Amino acid sequence: MNKTKILFWLPRFLCIIAILFISLFALDAFEPDLTFWQQIGAFLIHFIPSFILLALLLIAWKWEYIGGIIFTILGLGFSPFIFKHNYDMNHSIWMSMGIIAMITLPFVVVGILFIMSYFQNKRININK
């Protein structure tokens, strides 16, 4: 596999993996004291971020540069909020930083990779 194909598929693959990871958090909607329909409703509400991220992936798949900017801004923009939320719960800077590394950092990396892929493809098209 050449560098161009790897750079094309890597952000897409990593984004799918990151979305699947974020989707796992929707599973906390299932509680034994809720009815079946309440659990389904809560699950769908908890799944909204995954739907949004999937829509952004579709945008990035078609328009790499725009998608790369969106994912980079999204990852960097949500980091302070997620950090503060987790720091308020656990009062540990290092644990909160680890959570940031698991939740938002992958989207920053995906965004940068989409931008790199865009410029790689642009450079190849110019040289043809």
Foldseek 3Di string as FASTA:
>chain_A
DDPLVCLLCVLLVLLVVLLVVQLVVLVVLDDPVDDPVSSVVSSVVSNVVSVVSVVLSVVCNVVLLVSLVVLLCVLVVCLVVQLVVVCVVPVDNVVSVVVSCSRRVSSNVSSVSSNVSVVVVVVVVVVD
